[in-house]
Amino acid sequence: MADSRIQITLCWSLEPRHVHEQSLRVPEGCTVKVALDLAVAQWLSSQPSADATTLSALQFQQAGIWGQKVPWTQLVQADDRIELYRPLKVDPKVARRQRFKRQGKGRTGLFANRKSGSAAGY
């Protein structure tokens, strides 16, 4: 009986604006965790300068398939794109408030063409 393998893609980013994408063939019926372990082993064998401690940090990230969060025990299917998400360093609400404060208020940005007599923000 032949070993049936499926093609998947694994994507991760250890730092901003540096995305690594790796295609690999995994046994049918394997989980996201097993696929990640196979990808790390393949990455270490192909990259002599790769550091095992850096890649082990991938195991602590949230996993997703095509943008939907999944548990590590989720079975992968053919042509799945497994994505590993880094934890956020800044709350998006806080970052937006800081950007808005830096850009200014009143007659800038979205409120530049305000009708006369209307309340601020409308």
N, C-alpha and C. Protein backbone atom coordinates (compact mmCIF):
# COMPACT_ATOMS: atom_id res chain seq x y z
N MET A 1 0.84 -1.18 0.00
CA MET A 1 0.00 0.00 0.00
C MET A 1 0.88 1.24 0.00
N ALA A 2 0.64 2.12 -0.93
CA ALA A 2 1.46 3.32 -1.08
C ALA A 2 1.11 4.35 -0.02
N ASP A 3 2.13 5.10 0.40
CA ASP A 3 1.93 6.16 1.38
C ASP A 3 1.36 7.38 0.66
N SER A 4 0.12 7.73 0.97
CA SER A 4 -0.48 8.89 0.31
C SER A 4 -0.05 10.16 1.03
N ARG A 5 0.43 11.10 0.26
CA ARG A 5 0.90 12.36 0.82
C ARG A 5 0.12 13.50 0.16
N ILE A 6 -0.06 14.57 0.91
CA ILE A 6 -0.77 15.74 0.41
C ILE A 6 0.14 16.96 0.44
N GLN A 7 -0.12 17.91 -0.42
CA GLN A 7 0.67 19.14 -0.53
C GLN A 7 0.01 20.21 0.33
N ILE A 8 0.81 20.85 1.21
CA ILE A 8 0.33 21.98 2.01
C ILE A 8 1.37 23.10 1.96
N THR A 9 0.99 24.26 2.44
CA THR A 9 1.89 25.40 2.53
C THR A 9 1.90 25.89 3.97
N LEU A 10 3.09 26.18 4.48
CA LEU A 10 3.25 26.69 5.84
C LEU A 10 3.83 28.09 5.76
N CYS A 11 3.19 29.06 6.41
CA CYS A 11 3.64 30.46 6.40
C CYS A 11 3.85 30.94 7.82
N TRP A 12 4.93 31.67 8.03
CA TRP A 12 5.18 32.25 9.35
C TRP A 12 6.04 33.49 9.19
N SER A 13 6.06 34.30 10.23
CA SER A 13 6.85 35.52 10.25
C SER A 13 7.42 35.69 11.65
N LEU A 14 8.73 35.70 11.75
CA LEU A 14 9.36 35.89 13.05
C LEU A 14 9.55 37.37 13.38
N GLU A 15 9.51 38.21 12.35
CA GLU A 15 9.64 39.65 12.56
C GLU A 15 8.78 40.37 11.52
N PRO A 16 8.45 41.62 11.75
CA PRO A 16 7.58 42.36 10.82
C PRO A 16 8.15 42.42 9.41
N ARG A 17 7.30 42.28 8.42
CA ARG A 17 7.61 42.39 7.00
C ARG A 17 8.60 41.34 6.47
N HIS A 18 8.78 40.24 7.18
CA HIS A 18 9.62 39.13 6.73
C HIS A 18 8.80 37.85 6.83
N VAL A 19 8.18 37.45 5.73
CA VAL A 19 7.31 36.28 5.73
C VAL A 19 8.04 35.12 5.07
N HIS A 20 8.01 33.98 5.73
CA HIS A 20 8.60 32.75 5.19
C HIS A 20 7.45 31.85 4.76
N GLU A 21 7.56 31.31 3.56
CA GLU A 21 6.54 30.42 3.04
C GLU A 21 7.22 29.15 2.56
N GLN A 22 6.72 28.01 2.99
CA GLN A 22 7.35 26.74 2.66
C GLN A 22 6.27 25.75 2.23
N SER A 23 6.46 25.17 1.05
CA SER A 23 5.56 24.11 0.58
C SER A 23 6.16 22.78 0.97
N LEU A 24 5.31 21.87 1.43
CA LEU A 24 5.81 20.55 1.78
C LEU A 24 4.73 19.51 1.60
N ARG A 25 5.16 18.29 1.49
CA ARG A 25 4.26 17.15 1.36
C ARG A 25 4.25 16.41 2.69
N VAL A 26 3.07 16.21 3.22
CA VAL A 26 2.91 15.55 4.52
C VAL A 26 2.01 14.33 4.35
N PRO A 27 2.10 13.37 5.26
CA PRO A 27 1.20 12.21 5.18
C PRO A 27 -0.26 12.64 5.37
N GLU A 28 -1.13 11.97 4.66
CA GLU A 28 -2.55 12.27 4.79
C GLU A 28 -3.02 11.93 6.20
N GLY A 29 -3.81 12.80 6.80
CA GLY A 29 -4.33 12.57 8.14
C GLY A 29 -3.44 13.10 9.25
N CYS A 30 -2.43 13.90 8.92
CA CYS A 30 -1.57 14.45 9.98
C CYS A 30 -2.19 15.73 10.53
N THR A 31 -1.75 16.13 11.71
CA THR A 31 -2.27 17.32 12.37
C THR A 31 -1.39 18.53 12.05
N VAL A 32 -1.86 19.68 12.47
CA VAL A 32 -1.09 20.92 12.27
C VAL A 32 0.24 20.83 13.01
N LYS A 33 0.25 20.26 14.21
CA LYS A 33 1.47 20.12 15.01
C LYS A 33 2.48 19.22 14.31
N VAL A 34 2.03 18.09 13.76
CA VAL A 34 2.93 17.18 13.05
C VAL A 34 3.48 17.86 11.79
N ALA A 35 2.64 18.59 11.08
CA ALA A 35 3.09 19.31 9.88
C ALA A 35 4.15 20.35 10.24
N LEU A 36 3.97 21.04 11.36
CA LEU A 36 4.96 22.03 11.80
C LEU A 36 6.27 21.35 12.15
N ASP A 37 6.21 20.21 12.84
CA ASP A 37 7.44 19.49 13.19
C ASP A 37 8.18 19.02 11.94
N LEU A 38 7.44 18.54 10.94
CA LEU A 38 8.07 18.12 9.68
C LEU A 38 8.70 19.31 8.96
N ALA A 39 8.02 20.45 8.99
CA ALA A 39 8.54 21.65 8.32
C ALA A 39 9.81 22.15 9.01
N VAL A 40 9.83 22.12 10.34
CA VAL A 40 11.02 22.56 11.08
C VAL A 40 12.19 21.65 10.78
N ALA A 41 11.96 20.34 10.74
CA ALA A 41 13.03 19.39 10.43
C ALA A 41 13.56 19.63 9.02
N GLN A 42 12.66 19.86 8.08
CA GLN A 42 13.07 20.12 6.69
C GLN A 42 13.83 21.45 6.59
N TRP A 43 13.37 22.46 7.31
CA TRP A 43 14.01 23.77 7.29
C TRP A 43 15.42 23.68 7.85
N LEU A 44 15.59 22.98 8.96
CA LEU A 44 16.91 22.85 9.57
C LEU A 44 17.89 22.09 8.69
N SER A 45 17.39 21.10 7.94
CA SER A 45 18.28 20.34 7.07
C SER A 45 18.67 21.12 5.82
N SER A 46 17.80 22.03 5.36
CA SER A 46 18.10 22.80 4.15
C SER A 46 18.84 24.11 4.42
N GLN A 47 18.76 24.62 5.64
CA GLN A 47 19.40 25.89 6.00
C GLN A 47 20.51 25.63 7.02
N PRO A 48 21.77 25.63 6.60
CA PRO A 48 22.84 25.36 7.57
C PRO A 48 22.95 26.44 8.64
N SER A 49 22.51 27.65 8.34
CA SER A 49 22.63 28.73 9.31
C SER A 49 21.37 28.88 10.18
N ALA A 50 20.37 28.02 9.97
CA ALA A 50 19.13 28.13 10.74
C ALA A 50 19.37 27.76 12.19
N ASP A 51 18.68 28.46 13.07
CA ASP A 51 18.84 28.26 14.50
C ASP A 51 17.61 27.53 15.04
N ALA A 52 17.82 26.41 15.69
CA ALA A 52 16.70 25.59 16.20
C ALA A 52 15.92 26.32 17.28
N THR A 53 16.58 27.16 18.08
CA THR A 53 15.86 27.86 19.15
C THR A 53 14.91 28.90 18.58
N THR A 54 15.29 29.56 17.48
CA THR A 54 14.42 30.54 16.86
C THR A 54 13.19 29.86 16.28
N LEU A 55 13.39 28.75 15.62
CA LEU A 55 12.26 28.05 15.02
C LEU A 55 11.38 27.38 16.06
N SER A 56 11.94 27.05 17.22
CA SER A 56 11.10 26.43 18.25
C SER A 56 10.09 27.43 18.80
N ALA A 57 10.34 28.73 18.62
CA ALA A 57 9.38 29.75 19.06
C ALA A 57 8.09 29.66 18.26
N LEU A 58 8.14 29.06 17.08
CA LEU A 58 6.94 28.92 16.27
C LEU A 58 5.88 28.08 16.95
N GLN A 59 6.29 27.15 17.77
CA GLN A 59 5.34 26.26 18.42
C GLN A 59 4.46 26.99 19.43
N PHE A 60 4.84 28.16 19.85
CA PHE A 60 4.07 28.88 20.86
C PHE A 60 3.13 29.90 20.23
N GLN A 61 3.11 29.99 18.92
CA GLN A 61 2.23 30.91 18.26
C GLN A 61 0.88 30.25 18.01
N GLN A 62 -0.12 31.06 17.74
CA GLN A 62 -1.44 30.55 17.37
C GLN A 62 -1.38 30.09 15.92
N ALA A 63 -2.01 28.97 15.63
CA ALA A 63 -2.05 28.45 14.27
C ALA A 63 -3.40 28.73 13.64
N GLY A 64 -3.40 28.85 12.31
CA GLY A 64 -4.63 29.05 11.58
C GLY A 64 -4.52 28.42 10.21
N ILE A 65 -5.65 28.12 9.61
CA ILE A 65 -5.70 27.62 8.25
C ILE A 65 -6.54 28.58 7.44
N TRP A 66 -5.93 29.20 6.45
CA TRP A 66 -6.57 30.20 5.60
C TRP A 66 -7.24 31.30 6.43
N GLY A 67 -6.54 31.80 7.46
CA GLY A 67 -7.01 32.94 8.23
C GLY A 67 -7.97 32.61 9.36
N GLN A 68 -8.31 31.35 9.55
CA GLN A 68 -9.20 30.94 10.63
C GLN A 68 -8.39 30.21 11.69
N LYS A 69 -8.48 30.65 12.94
CA LYS A 69 -7.73 29.99 14.02
C LYS A 69 -8.19 28.55 14.18
N VAL A 70 -7.21 27.66 14.36
CA VAL A 70 -7.51 26.24 14.55
C VAL A 70 -6.65 25.71 15.70
N PRO A 71 -7.09 24.63 16.35
CA PRO A 71 -6.25 24.02 17.39
C PRO A 71 -5.10 23.25 16.74
N TRP A 72 -4.07 22.96 17.54
CA TRP A 72 -2.90 22.24 17.03
C TRP A 72 -3.26 20.82 16.62
N THR A 73 -4.39 20.31 17.07
CA THR A 73 -4.79 18.94 16.76
C THR A 73 -5.66 18.86 15.51
N GLN A 74 -5.88 19.98 14.84
CA GLN A 74 -6.69 20.01 13.61
C GLN A 74 -6.01 19.20 12.51
N LEU A 75 -6.78 18.36 11.81
CA LEU A 75 -6.24 17.59 10.69
C LEU A 75 -6.10 18.50 9.48
N VAL A 76 -5.00 18.35 8.74
CA VAL A 76 -4.80 19.16 7.55
C VAL A 76 -5.34 18.42 6.34
N GLN A 77 -5.75 19.19 5.34
CA GLN A 77 -6.27 18.63 4.10
C GLN A 77 -5.40 19.11 2.96
N ALA A 78 -5.59 18.54 1.80
CA ALA A 78 -4.80 18.90 0.63
C ALA A 78 -4.96 20.39 0.32
N ASP A 79 -3.87 21.03 -0.03
CA ASP A 79 -3.80 22.45 -0.43
C ASP A 79 -4.15 23.42 0.69
N ASP A 80 -4.06 23.00 1.94
CA ASP A 80 -4.26 23.91 3.07
C ASP A 80 -3.08 24.86 3.18
N ARG A 81 -3.34 26.05 3.66
CA ARG A 81 -2.30 27.03 3.95
C ARG A 81 -2.32 27.23 5.46
N ILE A 82 -1.31 26.68 6.13
CA ILE A 82 -1.21 26.80 7.58
C ILE A 82 -0.43 28.08 7.88
N GLU A 83 -1.00 28.91 8.71
CA GLU A 83 -0.38 30.19 9.08
C GLU A 83 -0.11 30.19 10.57
N LEU A 84 1.05 30.71 10.95
CA LEU A 84 1.42 30.83 12.36
C LEU A 84 1.43 32.30 12.72
N TYR A 85 0.68 32.65 13.75
CA TYR A 85 0.49 34.05 14.12
C TYR A 85 1.32 34.42 15.33
N ARG A 86 2.01 35.56 15.24
CA ARG A 86 2.77 36.09 16.38
C ARG A 86 1.80 36.80 17.32
N PRO A 87 2.10 36.84 18.61
CA PRO A 87 1.26 37.63 19.51
C PRO A 87 1.42 39.12 19.22
N LEU A 88 0.36 39.88 19.43
CA LEU A 88 0.41 41.32 19.20
C LEU A 88 1.26 41.99 20.28
N LYS A 89 2.07 42.96 19.87
CA LYS A 89 2.89 43.70 20.83
C LYS A 89 2.14 44.90 21.38
N VAL A 90 1.22 45.45 20.57
CA VAL A 90 0.45 46.63 20.98
C VAL A 90 -1.01 46.35 20.67
N ASP A 91 -1.87 46.75 21.59
CA ASP A 91 -3.30 46.63 21.38
C ASP A 91 -3.70 47.52 20.19
N PRO A 92 -4.43 47.00 19.20
CA PRO A 92 -4.79 47.81 18.02
C PRO A 92 -5.58 49.07 18.37
N LYS A 93 -6.39 49.02 19.41
CA LYS A 93 -7.14 50.22 19.80
C LYS A 93 -6.21 51.31 20.31
N VAL A 94 -5.22 50.91 21.09
CA VAL A 94 -4.26 51.88 21.62
C VAL A 94 -3.43 52.47 20.48
N ALA A 95 -3.00 51.62 19.54
CA ALA A 95 -2.21 52.11 18.41
C ALA A 95 -3.00 53.11 17.57
N ARG A 96 -4.28 52.86 17.37
CA ARG A 96 -5.12 53.79 16.60
C ARG A 96 -5.25 55.12 17.32
N ARG A 97 -5.46 55.07 18.63
CA ARG A 97 -5.56 56.32 19.39
C ARG A 97 -4.28 57.13 19.30
N GLN A 98 -3.14 56.47 19.38
CA GLN A 98 -1.86 57.18 19.31
C GLN A 98 -1.65 57.79 17.92
N ARG A 99 -2.01 57.05 16.86
CA ARG A 99 -1.90 57.60 15.51
C ARG A 99 -2.80 58.81 15.34
N PHE A 100 -4.02 58.73 15.86
CA PHE A 100 -4.96 59.83 15.74
C PHE A 100 -4.45 61.05 16.49
N LYS A 101 -3.87 60.83 17.67
CA LYS A 101 -3.34 61.93 18.46
C LYS A 101 -2.17 62.60 17.73
N ARG A 102 -1.31 61.79 17.10
CA ARG A 102 -0.16 62.33 16.37
C ARG A 102 -0.59 63.12 15.14
N GLN A 103 -1.62 62.63 14.43
CA GLN A 103 -2.06 63.27 13.20
C GLN A 103 -2.86 64.54 13.47
N GLY A 104 -3.36 64.68 14.65
CA GLY A 104 -4.14 65.87 14.97
C GLY A 104 -5.63 65.60 14.91
N LYS A 105 -6.39 66.56 15.43
CA LYS A 105 -7.84 66.41 15.47
C LYS A 105 -8.47 67.55 14.70
N GLY A 106 -9.75 67.62 14.82
CA GLY A 106 -10.46 68.76 14.25
C GLY A 106 -10.61 68.67 12.75
N ARG A 107 -9.93 69.52 12.05
CA ARG A 107 -10.14 69.64 10.61
C ARG A 107 -9.10 68.88 9.78
N THR A 108 -8.66 67.73 10.28
CA THR A 108 -7.72 66.91 9.51
C THR A 108 -8.31 65.51 9.32
N GLY A 109 -7.80 64.81 8.40
CA GLY A 109 -8.20 63.43 8.19
C GLY A 109 -9.65 63.30 7.78
N LEU A 110 -10.39 62.47 8.48
CA LEU A 110 -11.78 62.20 8.14
C LEU A 110 -12.68 63.40 8.33
N PHE A 111 -12.29 64.33 9.18
CA PHE A 111 -13.17 65.44 9.55
C PHE A 111 -12.80 66.74 8.83
N ALA A 112 -12.03 66.66 7.76
CA ALA A 112 -11.59 67.86 7.06
C ALA A 112 -12.75 68.59 6.38
N ASN A 113 -13.73 67.86 5.86
CA ASN A 113 -14.84 68.47 5.14
C ASN A 113 -16.12 68.43 5.96
N ARG A 114 -16.05 68.91 7.18
CA ARG A 114 -17.19 68.90 8.08
C ARG A 114 -18.17 69.99 7.70
N LYS A 115 -19.47 69.65 7.79
CA LYS A 115 -20.50 70.66 7.52
C LYS A 115 -20.50 71.70 8.63
N SER A 116 -20.78 72.93 8.29
CA SER A 116 -20.79 73.98 9.31
C SER A 116 -21.96 73.75 10.27
N GLY A 117 -21.68 73.89 11.54
CA GLY A 117 -22.72 73.73 12.55
C GLY A 117 -22.88 72.31 13.04
N SER A 118 -22.18 71.36 12.44
CA SER A 118 -22.32 69.97 12.90
C SER A 118 -21.39 69.70 14.07
N ALA A 119 -21.72 68.67 14.82
CA ALA A 119 -20.90 68.31 15.99
C ALA A 119 -19.59 67.69 15.51
N ALA A 120 -18.59 67.78 16.36
CA ALA A 120 -17.28 67.22 16.02
C ALA A 120 -17.41 65.70 15.88
N GLY A 121 -16.78 65.16 14.85
CA GLY A 121 -16.80 63.73 14.62
C GLY A 121 -17.92 63.26 13.72
N TYR A 122 -18.75 64.21 13.21
CA TYR A 122 -19.84 63.82 12.32
C TYR A 122 -19.73 64.52 11.00
